[in-house]
Protein backbone atom coordinates (compact mmCIF):
# COMPACT_ATOMS: atom_id res chain seq x y z
CA MET A 1 0.00 0.00 0.00
CA SER A 2 1.58 3.26 -1.09
CA ILE A 3 0.95 6.22 1.19
CA ALA A 4 1.67 9.78 0.12
CA THR A 5 3.31 11.75 2.92
CA ASP A 6 0.91 14.67 2.45
CA THR A 7 -1.97 12.43 3.55
CA LEU A 8 -0.47 11.42 6.90
CA THR A 9 -1.77 12.74 10.21
CA LYS A 10 0.37 14.39 12.87
CA SER A 11 0.87 10.92 14.40
CA GLY A 12 2.25 9.64 11.09
CA HIS A 13 -0.59 7.39 9.91
CA ARG A 14 -3.33 7.63 7.31
CA PRO A 15 -6.44 9.47 8.49
CA LEU A 16 -8.87 7.15 10.26
CA SER A 17 -11.68 8.56 8.11
CA ARG A 18 -9.86 7.39 4.98
CA ILE A 19 -9.33 3.92 6.47
CA ALA A 20 -13.03 3.80 7.45
CA GLY A 21 -13.98 4.59 3.85
CA GLU A 22 -11.89 1.67 2.61
CA ILE A 23 -13.49 -0.59 5.20
CA VAL A 24 -16.99 0.34 4.03
CA ARG A 25 -16.06 -0.33 0.40
CA ASP A 26 -14.52 -3.69 1.23
CA MET A 27 -17.40 -4.79 3.46
CA ARG A 28 -19.88 -4.02 0.68
CA GLN A 29 -18.01 -6.49 -1.52
CA THR A 30 -17.00 -9.21 0.95
CA MET A 31 -19.60 -9.43 3.72
CA LYS A 32 -22.52 -11.74 2.94
CA SER A 33 -24.95 -9.08 4.10
CA GLY A 34 -23.05 -6.37 2.24
CA ILE A 35 -23.02 -4.20 5.36
CA CYS A 36 -21.00 -3.69 8.50
CA PRO A 37 -21.91 -5.96 11.41
CA PRO A 38 -24.48 -4.10 13.56
CA ALA A 39 -22.29 -4.25 16.70
CA ALA A 40 -19.41 -2.59 14.83
CA LEU A 41 -21.42 0.05 12.97
CA PRO A 42 -21.35 2.77 15.67
CA TYR A 43 -17.57 2.48 15.87
CA LEU A 44 -17.13 2.56 12.09
CA THR A 45 -19.39 5.62 11.94
CA ALA A 46 -17.27 7.33 14.60
CA MET A 47 -14.04 6.38 12.79
CA ALA A 48 -15.40 8.09 9.67
CA GLU A 49 -15.42 11.35 11.67
CA LEU A 50 -11.88 10.96 13.05
CA GLU A 51 -8.54 11.84 11.53
CA ASP A 52 -5.82 11.12 14.10
CA ILE A 53 -5.57 8.39 16.73
CA THR A 54 -5.16 11.14 19.34
CA ASP A 55 -8.60 12.61 18.50
CA HIS A 56 -11.84 12.14 20.41
CA TYR A 57 -15.38 11.47 19.22
CA MET A 58 -17.77 12.85 21.80
CA HIS A 59 -16.38 11.43 25.07
CA ASP A 60 -14.55 8.45 23.54
CA SER A 61 -10.92 8.36 22.49
CA ALA A 62 -10.05 7.30 18.96
CA ILE A 63 -8.02 4.47 20.49
CA SER A 64 -11.07 3.02 22.27
CA ILE A 65 -13.25 3.43 19.18
CA VAL A 66 -10.77 1.56 16.98
CA LEU A 67 -10.33 -1.18 19.61
CA TYR A 68 -14.08 -1.68 19.94
CA PHE A 69 -14.44 -1.74 16.15
CA LEU A 70 -11.75 -4.41 15.86
CA GLY A 71 -13.42 -6.42 18.60
CA ASN A 72 -16.67 -6.53 16.65
CA VAL A 73 -15.46 -7.48 13.17
CA ALA A 74 -14.09 -10.99 13.71
CA HIS A 75 -16.18 -12.32 10.79
CA TRP A 76 -14.88 -9.73 8.32
CA ARG A 77 -12.28 -11.68 6.39
CA GLY A 78 -10.21 -11.54 3.27
CA GLU A 79 -6.91 -10.09 2.14
CA LYS A 80 -8.05 -6.47 2.28
CA ALA A 81 -9.75 -6.99 5.66
CA ALA A 82 -6.57 -8.49 7.11
CA ALA A 83 -4.47 -5.61 5.77
CA LEU A 84 -6.82 -2.94 7.14
CA LYS A 85 -7.12 -4.64 10.54
CA LYS A 86 -3.32 -4.87 10.71
CA GLU A 87 -3.00 -1.19 9.81
CA LEU A 88 -5.41 -0.27 12.61
CA ARG A 89 -3.63 -2.53 15.12
CA ASP A 90 -0.28 -1.00 14.14
CA ILE A 91 -1.69 2.51 14.67
CA ILE A 92 -2.97 1.48 18.11
CA ASP A 93 0.32 -0.18 19.04
CA GLU A 94 2.27 2.91 18.03
CA ALA A 95 -0.08 5.23 19.94
CA GLN A 96 0.03 3.08 23.06
CA GLY A 97 3.80 2.83 22.86
CA ARG A 98 4.00 6.59 22.55
CA LYS A 99 1.76 6.97 25.60
CA LYS A 100 3.90 4.57 27.65
CA ARG A 101 7.13 6.34 26.64
CA GLY A 102 5.52 9.68 27.46
CA LYS A 103 4.58 8.57 30.96
CA LYS A 104 8.10 7.38 31.73
CA ALA A 105 9.72 10.58 30.57
């Protein structure tokens, strides 16, 4: 996946809204129902409004929104699904690592 540097957020990843758009497109093609699982839909909707993993949607952090989304899409499978889930997990891992390093400093 090629990422132009002008599309990266301040945390150095693609905007969550852009990732959410790709997820919607892939789910339309790969999910039997053609839609996002109902339990994951509120989190996908919130991700579509977020840019950076440090952002908040109402009272929820972007980190918690992405984690809850990932926890509710176990049946979303395929090459693209695996790549997008990995990208989201990597963003979370980086953000949590940054938080841990920040607390120790």
